[in-house]
Amino acid sequence: ETVTLYESVQEFTVAIENNEVVGCGALHVLW
């Protein structure tokens, strides 16, 4: 859900090319 993406924005790393998101990945702590 888009709201979930906003809630977890701090977990994401992005790849940017020409000011556009061209890749992403997240790190979510479990323990």
Full PDB file with SEQRES, HELIX, SHEET, SSBOND, CRYST1, ORIGX, SCALE, CONECT and MASTER records, all heavy atoms in Angstrom:
SEQRES   1 A   31  GLU THR VAL THR LEU TYR GLU SER VAL GLN GLU PHE THR          
SEQRES   2 A   31  VAL ALA ILE GLU ASN ASN GLU VAL VAL GLY CYS GLY ALA          
SEQRES   3 A   31  LEU HIS VAL LEU TRP                                          
HELIX    1 AA1 THR A    2  GLU A    7  1                                   6    
HELIX    2 AA2 VAL A    9  GLU A   11  5                                   3    
SHEET    1 AA1 2 PHE A  12  GLU A  17  0                                        
SHEET    2 AA1 2 GLU A  20  ALA A  26 -1                                        
CRYST1    1.000    1.000    1.000  90.00  90.00  90.00 P 1           1          
ORIGX1      1.000000  0.000000  0.000000        0.00000                         
ORIGX2      0.000000  1.000000  0.000000        0.00000                         
ORIGX3      0.000000  0.000000  1.000000        0.00000                         
SCALE1      1.000000  0.000000  0.000000        0.00000                         
SCALE2      0.000000  1.000000  0.000000        0.00000                         
SCALE3      0.000000  0.000000  1.000000        0.00000                         
ATOM      1  N   GLU A   1       0.848  -1.181   0.000  1.00  0.00           N  
ATOM      2  CA  GLU A   1       0.000   0.000   0.000  1.00  0.00           C  
ATOM      3  C   GLU A   1       0.891   1.241   0.000  1.00  0.00           C  
ATOM      4  O   GLU A   1       1.956   1.252   0.620  1.00  0.00           O  
ATOM      5  CB  GLU A   1      -0.910   0.012   1.237  1.00  0.00           C  
ATOM      6  CG  GLU A   1      -1.898  -1.137   1.291  1.00  0.00           C  
ATOM      7  CD  GLU A   1      -2.912  -1.090   0.154  1.00  0.00           C  
ATOM      8  OE1 GLU A   1      -3.226   0.000  -0.351  1.00  0.00           O  
ATOM      9  OE2 GLU A   1      -3.384  -2.180  -0.231  1.00  0.00           O  
ATOM     10  N   THR A   2       0.461   2.273  -0.666  1.00  0.00           N  
ATOM     11  CA  THR A   2       1.253   3.502  -0.743  1.00  0.00           C  
ATOM     12  C   THR A   2       1.499   4.069   0.650  1.00  0.00           C  
ATOM     13  O   THR A   2       2.604   4.529   0.954  1.00  0.00           O  
ATOM     14  CB  THR A   2       0.576   4.530  -1.654  1.00  0.00           C  
ATOM     15  OG1 THR A   2       0.409   3.930  -2.955  1.00  0.00           O  
ATOM     16  CG2 THR A   2       1.413   5.789  -1.779  1.00  0.00           C  
ATOM     17  N   VAL A   3       0.507   4.006   1.526  1.00  0.00           N  
ATOM     18  CA  VAL A   3       0.695   4.513   2.885  1.00  0.00           C  
ATOM     19  C   VAL A   3       1.816   3.744   3.590  1.00  0.00           C  
ATOM     20  O   VAL A   3       2.604   4.321   4.341  1.00  0.00           O  
ATOM     21  CB  VAL A   3      -0.619   4.487   3.703  1.00  0.00           C  
ATOM     22  CG1 VAL A   3      -1.093   3.061   3.973  1.00  0.00           C  
ATOM     23  CG2 VAL A   3      -0.453   5.260   4.990  1.00  0.00           C  
ATOM     24  N   THR A   4       1.924   2.451   3.337  1.00  0.00           N  
ATOM     25  CA  THR A   4       2.989   1.642   3.931  1.00  0.00           C  
ATOM     26  C   THR A   4       4.355   2.094   3.425  1.00  0.00           C  
ATOM     27  O   THR A   4       5.326   2.129   4.187  1.00  0.00           O  
ATOM     28  CB  THR A   4       2.769   0.144   3.620  1.00  0.00           C  
ATOM     29  OG1 THR A   4       1.482  -0.227   4.116  1.00  0.00           O  
ATOM     30  CG2 THR A   4       3.836  -0.722   4.248  1.00  0.00           C  
ATOM     31  N   LEU A   5       4.428   2.455   2.155  1.00  0.00           N  
ATOM     32  CA  LEU A   5       5.693   2.958   1.602  1.00  0.00           C  
ATOM     33  C   LEU A   5       6.096   4.259   2.284  1.00  0.00           C  
ATOM     34  O   LEU A   5       7.266   4.437   2.642  1.00  0.00           O  
ATOM     35  CB  LEU A   5       5.588   3.146   0.090  1.00  0.00           C  
ATOM     36  CG  LEU A   5       5.365   1.871  -0.721  1.00  0.00           C  
ATOM     37  CD1 LEU A   5       5.129   2.217  -2.191  1.00  0.00           C  
ATOM     38  CD2 LEU A   5       6.537   0.917  -0.560  1.00  0.00           C  
ATOM     39  N   TYR A   6       5.149   5.160   2.473  1.00  0.00           N  
ATOM     40  CA  TYR A   6       5.467   6.411   3.165  1.00  0.00           C  
ATOM     41  C   TYR A   6       5.896   6.146   4.607  1.00  0.00           C  
ATOM     42  O   TYR A   6       6.838   6.748   5.107  1.00  0.00           O  
ATOM     43  CB  TYR A   6       4.287   7.386   3.133  1.00  0.00           C  
ATOM     44  CG  TYR A   6       4.167   8.127   1.832  1.00  0.00           C  
ATOM     45  CD1 TYR A   6       3.140   7.844   0.941  1.00  0.00           C  
ATOM     46  CD2 TYR A   6       5.086   9.116   1.479  1.00  0.00           C  
ATOM     47  CE1 TYR A   6       3.030   8.524  -0.263  1.00  0.00           C  
ATOM     48  CE2 TYR A   6       4.990   9.799   0.273  1.00  0.00           C  
ATOM     49  CZ  TYR A   6       3.956   9.497  -0.591  1.00  0.00           C  
ATOM     50  OH  TYR A   6       3.860  10.168  -1.777  1.00  0.00           O  
ATOM     51  N   GLU A   7       5.193   5.213   5.279  1.00  0.00           N  
ATOM     52  CA  GLU A   7       5.528   4.901   6.669  1.00  0.00           C  
ATOM     53  C   GLU A   7       6.920   4.297   6.811  1.00  0.00           C  
ATOM     54  O   GLU A   7       7.545   4.422   7.864  1.00  0.00           O  
ATOM     55  CB  GLU A   7       4.501   3.911   7.248  1.00  0.00           C  
ATOM     56  CG  GLU A   7       3.151   4.520   7.467  1.00  0.00           C  
ATOM     57  CD  GLU A   7       2.082   3.492   7.843  1.00  0.00           C  
ATOM     58  OE1 GLU A   7       2.305   2.277   7.646  1.00  0.00           O  
ATOM     59  OE2 GLU A   7       1.025   3.917   8.327  1.00  0.00           O  
ATOM     60  N   SER A   8       7.400   3.667   5.762  1.00  0.00           N  
ATOM     61  CA  SER A   8       8.705   3.003   5.835  1.00  0.00           C  
ATOM     62  C   SER A   8       9.764   3.677   4.958  1.00  0.00           C  
ATOM     63  O   SER A   8      10.796   3.080   4.665  1.00  0.00           O  
ATOM     64  CB  SER A   8       8.563   1.524   5.455  1.00  0.00           C  
ATOM     65  OG  SER A   8       8.037   1.390   4.156  1.00  0.00           O  
ATOM     66  N   VAL A   9       9.547   4.919   4.582  1.00  0.00           N  
ATOM     67  CA  VAL A   9      10.488   5.611   3.694  1.00  0.00           C  
ATOM     68  C   VAL A   9      11.908   5.590   4.254  1.00  0.00           C  
ATOM     69  O   VAL A   9      12.883   5.475   3.499  1.00  0.00           O  
ATOM     70  CB  VAL A   9      10.024   7.059   3.384  1.00  0.00           C  
ATOM     71  CG1 VAL A   9      10.074   7.930   4.624  1.00  0.00           C  
ATOM     72  CG2 VAL A   9      10.872   7.666   2.261  1.00  0.00           C  
ATOM     73  N   GLN A  10      12.064   5.655   5.573  1.00  0.00           N  
ATOM     74  CA  GLN A  10      13.390   5.662   6.191  1.00  0.00           C  
ATOM     75  C   GLN A  10      14.121   4.338   5.997  1.00  0.00           C  
ATOM     76  O   GLN A  10      15.337   4.272   6.167  1.00  0.00           O  
ATOM     77  CB  GLN A  10      13.299   6.016   7.679  1.00  0.00           C  
ATOM     78  CG  GLN A  10      12.684   4.941   8.553  1.00  0.00           C  
ATOM     79  CD  GLN A  10      11.159   4.868   8.487  1.00  0.00           C  
ATOM     80  OE1 GLN A  10      10.507   5.698   7.864  1.00  0.00           O  
ATOM     81  NE2 GLN A  10      10.601   3.865   9.126  1.00  0.00           N  
ATOM     82  N   GLU A  11      13.434   3.285   5.609  1.00  0.00           N  
ATOM     83  CA  GLU A  11      14.065   1.985   5.371  1.00  0.00           C  
ATOM     84  C   GLU A  11      14.630   1.863   3.963  1.00  0.00           C  
ATOM     85  O   GLU A  11      15.443   0.988   3.695  1.00  0.00           O  
ATOM     86  CB  GLU A  11      13.048   0.847   5.585  1.00  0.00           C  
ATOM     87  CG  GLU A  11      12.521   0.765   6.998  1.00  0.00           C  
ATOM     88  CD  GLU A  11      11.518  -0.374   7.184  1.00  0.00           C  
ATOM     89  OE1 GLU A  11      11.174  -1.067   6.199  1.00  0.00           O  
ATOM     90  OE2 GLU A  11      11.102  -0.579   8.335  1.00  0.00           O  
ATOM     91  N   PHE A  12      14.204   2.729   3.066  1.00  0.00           N  
ATOM     92  CA  PHE A  12      14.545   2.586   1.648  1.00  0.00           C  
ATOM     93  C   PHE A  12      15.838   3.296   1.248  1.00  0.00           C  
ATOM     94  O   PHE A  12      16.170   4.363   1.740  1.00  0.00           O  
ATOM     95  CB  PHE A  12      13.410   3.136   0.769  1.00  0.00           C  
ATOM     96  CG  PHE A  12      12.315   2.136   0.518  1.00  0.00           C  
ATOM     97  CD1 PHE A  12      11.241   2.055   1.384  1.00  0.00           C  
ATOM     98  CD2 PHE A  12      12.375   1.276  -0.567  1.00  0.00           C  
ATOM     99  CE1 PHE A  12      10.236   1.134   1.174  1.00  0.00           C  
ATOM    100  CE2 PHE A  12      11.380   0.351  -0.790  1.00  0.00           C  
ATOM    101  CZ  PHE A  12      10.299   0.280   0.084  1.00  0.00           C  
ATOM    102  N   THR A  13      16.506   2.658   0.310  1.00  0.00           N  
ATOM    103  CA  THR A  13      17.627   3.230  -0.429  1.00  0.00           C  
ATOM    104  C   THR A  13      17.149   3.302  -1.875  1.00  0.00           C  
ATOM    105  O   THR A  13      16.455   2.395  -2.352  1.00  0.00           O  
ATOM    106  CB  THR A  13      18.861   2.307  -0.327  1.00  0.00           C  
ATOM    107  OG1 THR A  13      19.269   2.251   1.047  1.00  0.00           O  
ATOM    108  CG2 THR A  13      20.018   2.801  -1.183  1.00  0.00           C  
ATOM    109  N   VAL A  14      17.504   4.361  -2.567  1.00  0.00           N  
ATOM    110  CA  VAL A  14      17.084   4.498  -3.965  1.00  0.00           C  
ATOM    111  C   VAL A  14      18.275   4.749  -4.870  1.00  0.00           C  
ATOM    112  O   VAL A  14      19.314   5.246  -4.437  1.00  0.00           O  
ATOM    113  CB  VAL A  14      16.047   5.641  -4.151  1.00  0.00           C  
ATOM    114  CG1 VAL A  14      14.724   5.293  -3.507  1.00  0.00           C  
ATOM    115  CG2 VAL A  14      16.571   6.961  -3.626  1.00  0.00           C  
ATOM    116  N   ALA A  15      18.065   4.401  -6.132  1.00  0.00           N  
ATOM    117  CA  ALA A  15      18.997   4.743  -7.199  1.00  0.00           C  
ATOM    118  C   ALA A  15      18.314   5.834  -8.021  1.00  0.00           C  
ATOM    119  O   ALA A  15      17.145   5.695  -8.396  1.00  0.00           O  
ATOM    120  CB  ALA A  15      19.291   3.525  -8.069  1.00  0.00           C  
ATOM    121  N   ILE A  16      19.052   6.912  -8.263  1.00  0.00           N  
ATOM    122  CA  ILE A  16      18.502   8.066  -8.970  1.00  0.00           C  
ATOM    123  C   ILE A  16      19.309   8.299 -10.248  1.00  0.00           C  
ATOM    124  O   ILE A  16      20.539   8.320 -10.218  1.00  0.00           O  
ATOM    125  CB  ILE A  16      18.572   9.339  -8.091  1.00  0.00           C  
ATOM    126  CG1 ILE A  16      17.852   9.133  -6.752  1.00  0.00           C  
ATOM    127  CG2 ILE A  16      18.040  10.560  -8.841  1.00  0.00           C  
ATOM    128  CD1 ILE A  16      16.360   8.959  -6.855  1.00  0.00           C  
ATOM    129  N   GLU A  17      18.605   8.475 -11.349  1.00  0.00           N  
ATOM    130  CA  GLU A  17      19.225   8.854 -12.619  1.00  0.00           C  
ATOM    131  C   GLU A  17      18.381   9.982 -13.211  1.00  0.00           C  
ATOM    132  O   GLU A  17      17.158   9.834 -13.353  1.00  0.00           O  
ATOM    133  CB  GLU A  17      19.263   7.661 -13.589  1.00  0.00           C  
ATOM    134  CG  GLU A  17      19.913   8.020 -14.922  1.00  0.00           C  
ATOM    135  CD  GLU A  17      19.857   6.877 -15.912  1.00  0.00           C  
ATOM    136  OE1 GLU A  17      18.761   6.285 -16.101  1.00  0.00           O  
ATOM    137  OE2 GLU A  17      20.894   6.576 -16.507  1.00  0.00           O  
ATOM    138  N   ASN A  18      19.012  11.085 -13.535  1.00  0.00           N  
ATOM    139  CA  ASN A  18      18.301  12.251 -14.088  1.00  0.00           C  
ATOM    140  C   ASN A  18      17.096  12.644 -13.221  1.00  0.00           C  
ATOM    141  O   ASN A  18      15.998  12.862 -13.726  1.00  0.00           O  
ATOM    142  CB  ASN A  18      17.855  11.985 -15.524  1.00  0.00           C  
ATOM    143  CG  ASN A  18      19.027  11.739 -16.437  1.00  0.00           C  
ATOM    144  OD1 ASN A  18      20.093  12.331 -16.287  1.00  0.00           O  
ATOM    145  ND2 ASN A  18      18.849  10.835 -17.394  1.00  0.00           N  
ATOM    146  N   ASN A  19      17.315  12.708 -11.916  1.00  0.00           N  
ATOM    147  CA  ASN A  19      16.283  13.095 -10.945  1.00  0.00           C  
ATOM    148  C   ASN A  19      15.082  12.149 -10.899  1.00  0.00           C  
ATOM    149  O   ASN A  19      14.009  12.533 -10.440  1.00  0.00           O  
ATOM    150  CB  ASN A  19      15.808  14.534 -11.194  1.00  0.00           C  
ATOM    151  CG  ASN A  19      16.918  15.527 -10.969  1.00  0.00           C  
ATOM    152  OD1 ASN A  19      17.651  15.420  -9.994  1.00  0.00           O  
ATOM    153  ND2 ASN A  19      17.052  16.483 -11.871  1.00  0.00           N  
ATOM    154  N   GLU A  20      15.242  10.927 -11.381  1.00  0.00           N  
ATOM    155  CA  GLU A  20      14.164   9.942 -11.392  1.00  0.00           C  
ATOM    156  C   GLU A  20      14.598   8.697 -10.618  1.00  0.00           C  
ATOM    157  O   GLU A  20      15.746   8.247 -10.741  1.00  0.00           O  
ATOM    158  CB  GLU A  20      13.829   9.563 -12.838  1.00  0.00           C  
ATOM    159  CG  GLU A  20      12.726   8.559 -12.967  1.00  0.00           C  
ATOM    160  CD  GLU A  20      12.459   8.175 -14.426  1.00  0.00           C  
ATOM    161  OE1 GLU A  20      12.883   8.909 -15.331  1.00  0.00           O  
ATOM    162  OE2 GLU A  20      11.841   7.129 -14.630  1.00  0.00           O  
ATOM    163  N   VAL A  21      13.683   8.125  -9.837  1.00  0.00           N  
ATOM    164  CA  VAL A  21      13.961   6.873  -9.130  1.00  0.00           C  
ATOM    165  C   VAL A  21      13.997   5.753 -10.159  1.00  0.00           C  
ATOM    166  O   VAL A  21      13.015   5.511 -10.868  1.00  0.00           O  
ATOM    167  CB  VAL A  21      12.888   6.580  -8.055  1.00  0.00           C  
ATOM    168  CG1 VAL A  21      13.136   5.216  -7.411  1.00  0.00           C  
ATOM    169  CG2 VAL A  21      12.870   7.671  -6.997  1.00  0.00           C  
ATOM    170  N   VAL A  22      15.150   5.077 -10.235  1.00  0.00           N  
ATOM    171  CA  VAL A  22      15.306   3.970 -11.184  1.00  0.00           C  
ATOM    172  C   VAL A  22      15.609   2.656 -10.477  1.00  0.00           C  
ATOM    173  O   VAL A  22      15.807   1.626 -11.121  1.00  0.00           O  
ATOM    174  CB  VAL A  22      16.387   4.276 -12.248  1.00  0.00           C  
ATOM    175  CG1 VAL A  22      15.959   5.438 -13.134  1.00  0.00           C  
ATOM    176  CG2 VAL A  22      17.740   4.547 -11.589  1.00  0.00           C  
ATOM    177  N   GLY A  23      15.639   2.681  -9.160  1.00  0.00           N  
ATOM    178  CA  GLY A  23      15.862   1.463  -8.393  1.00  0.00           C  
ATOM    179  C   GLY A  23      15.586   1.727  -6.929  1.00  0.00           C  
ATOM    180  O   GLY A  23      15.626   2.872  -6.474  1.00  0.00           O  
ATOM    181  N   CYS A  24      15.303   0.642  -6.203  1.00  0.00           N  
ATOM    182  CA  CYS A  24      15.018   0.787  -4.782  1.00  0.00           C  
ATOM    183  C   CYS A  24      15.309  -0.516  -4.047  1.00  0.00           C  
ATOM    184  O   CYS A  24      15.463  -1.568  -4.661  1.00  0.00           O  
ATOM    185  CB  CYS A  24      13.561   1.190  -4.550  1.00  0.00           C  
ATOM    186  SG  CYS A  24      12.353  -0.026  -5.130  1.00  0.00           S  
ATOM    187  N   GLY A  25      15.374  -0.407  -2.751  1.00  0.00           N  
ATOM    188  CA  GLY A  25      15.526  -1.556  -1.872  1.00  0.00           C  
ATOM    189  C   GLY A  25      15.392  -1.055  -0.452  1.00  0.00           C  
ATOM    190  O   GLY A  25      15.650   0.114  -0.165  1.00  0.00           O  
ATOM    191  N   ALA A  26      14.970  -1.943   0.451  1.00  0.00           N  
ATOM    192  CA  ALA A  26      14.743  -1.535   1.831  1.00  0.00           C  
ATOM    193  C   ALA A  26      15.408  -2.501   2.795  1.00  0.00           C  
ATOM    194  O   ALA A  26      15.613  -3.674   2.485  1.00  0.00           O  
ATOM    195  CB  ALA A  26      13.247  -1.455   2.117  1.00  0.00           C  
ATOM    196  N   LEU A  27      15.722  -1.982   3.971  1.00  0.00           N  
ATOM    197  CA  LEU A  27      16.253  -2.776   5.071  1.00  0.00           C  
ATOM    198  C   LEU A  27      15.280  -2.641   6.235  1.00  0.00           C  
ATOM    199  O   LEU A  27      15.091  -1.555   6.771  1.00  0.00           O  
ATOM    200  CB  LEU A  27      17.640  -2.282   5.492  1.00  0.00           C  
ATOM    201  CG  LEU A  27      18.280  -3.055   6.642  1.00  0.00           C  
ATOM    202  CD1 LEU A  27      18.684  -4.458   6.179  1.00  0.00           C  
ATOM    203  CD2 LEU A  27      19.489  -2.308   7.175  1.00  0.00           C  
ATOM    204  N   HIS A  28      14.650  -3.754   6.611  1.00  0.00           N  
ATOM    205  CA  HIS A  28      13.642  -3.764   7.668  1.00  0.00           C  
ATOM    206  C   HIS A  28      14.165  -4.596   8.831  1.00  0.00           C  
ATOM    207  O   HIS A  28      14.383  -5.797   8.687  1.00  0.00           O  
ATOM    208  CB  HIS A  28      12.338  -4.358   7.134  1.00  0.00           C  
ATOM    209  CG  HIS A  28      11.234  -4.396   8.125  1.00  0.00           C  
ATOM    210  ND1 HIS A  28      10.513  -3.274   8.471  1.00  0.00           N  
ATOM    211  CD2 HIS A  28      10.734  -5.412   8.865  1.00  0.00           C  
ATOM    212  CE1 HIS A  28       9.598  -3.611   9.365  1.00  0.00           C  
ATOM    213  NE2 HIS A  28       9.712  -4.899   9.632  1.00  0.00           N  
ATOM    214  N   VAL A  29      14.378  -3.956   9.976  1.00  0.00           N  
ATOM    215  CA  VAL A  29      14.915  -4.651  11.145  1.00  0.00           C  
ATOM    216  C   VAL A  29      13.835  -5.568  11.718  1.00  0.00           C  
ATOM    217  O   VAL A  29      12.693  -5.147  11.931  1.00  0.00           O  
ATOM    218  CB  VAL A  29      15.409  -3.652  12.213  1.00  0.00           C  
ATOM    219  CG1 VAL A  29      15.844  -4.384  13.472  1.00  0.00           C  
ATOM    220  CG2 VAL A  29      16.557  -2.822  11.651  1.00  0.00           C  
ATOM    221  N   LEU A  30      14.225  -6.827  11.963  1.00  0.00           N  
ATOM    222  CA  LEU A  30      13.326  -7.818  12.537  1.00  0.00           C  
ATOM    223  C   LEU A  30      13.625  -8.083  14.012  1.00  0.00           C  
ATOM    224  O   LEU A  30      12.725  -8.365  14.797  1.00  0.00           O  
ATOM    225  CB  LEU A  30      13.426  -9.147  11.781  1.00  0.00           C  
ATOM    226  CG  LEU A  30      13.140  -9.112  10.282  1.00  0.00           C  
ATOM    227  CD1 LEU A  30      13.378 -10.479   9.668  1.00  0.00           C  
ATOM    228  CD2 LEU A  30      11.721  -8.650  10.009  1.00  0.00           C  
ATOM    229  N   TRP A  31      14.917  -8.013  14.381  1.00  0.00           N  
ATOM    230  CA  TRP A  31      15.333  -8.308  15.748  1.00  0.00           C  
ATOM    231  C   TRP A  31      16.689  -7.652  15.967  1.00  0.00           C  
ATOM    232  O   TRP A  31      17.266  -7.068  15.042  1.00  0.00           O  
ATOM    233  CB  TRP A  31      15.413  -9.823  15.963  1.00  0.00           C  
ATOM    234  CG  TRP A  31      15.421 -10.232  17.403  1.00  0.00           C  
ATOM    235  CD1 TRP A  31      16.493 -10.723  18.088  1.00  0.00           C  
ATOM    236  CD2 TRP A  31      14.345 -10.165  18.344  1.00  0.00           C  
ATOM    237  NE1 TRP A  31      16.145 -10.980  19.397  1.00  0.00           N  
ATOM    238  CE2 TRP A  31      14.823 -10.640  19.581  1.00  0.00           C  
ATOM    239  CE3 TRP A  31      13.027  -9.739  18.264  1.00  0.00           C  
ATOM    240  CZ2 TRP A  31      14.035 -10.707  20.717  1.00  0.00           C  
ATOM    241  CZ3 TRP A  31      12.229  -9.812  19.385  1.00  0.00           C  
ATOM    242  CH2 TRP A  31      12.742 -10.294  20.597  1.00  0.00           C  
TER     243      TRP A  31                                                      
MASTER        0    0    0    2    2    0    0    6  242    1    0    3          
END                                                                             
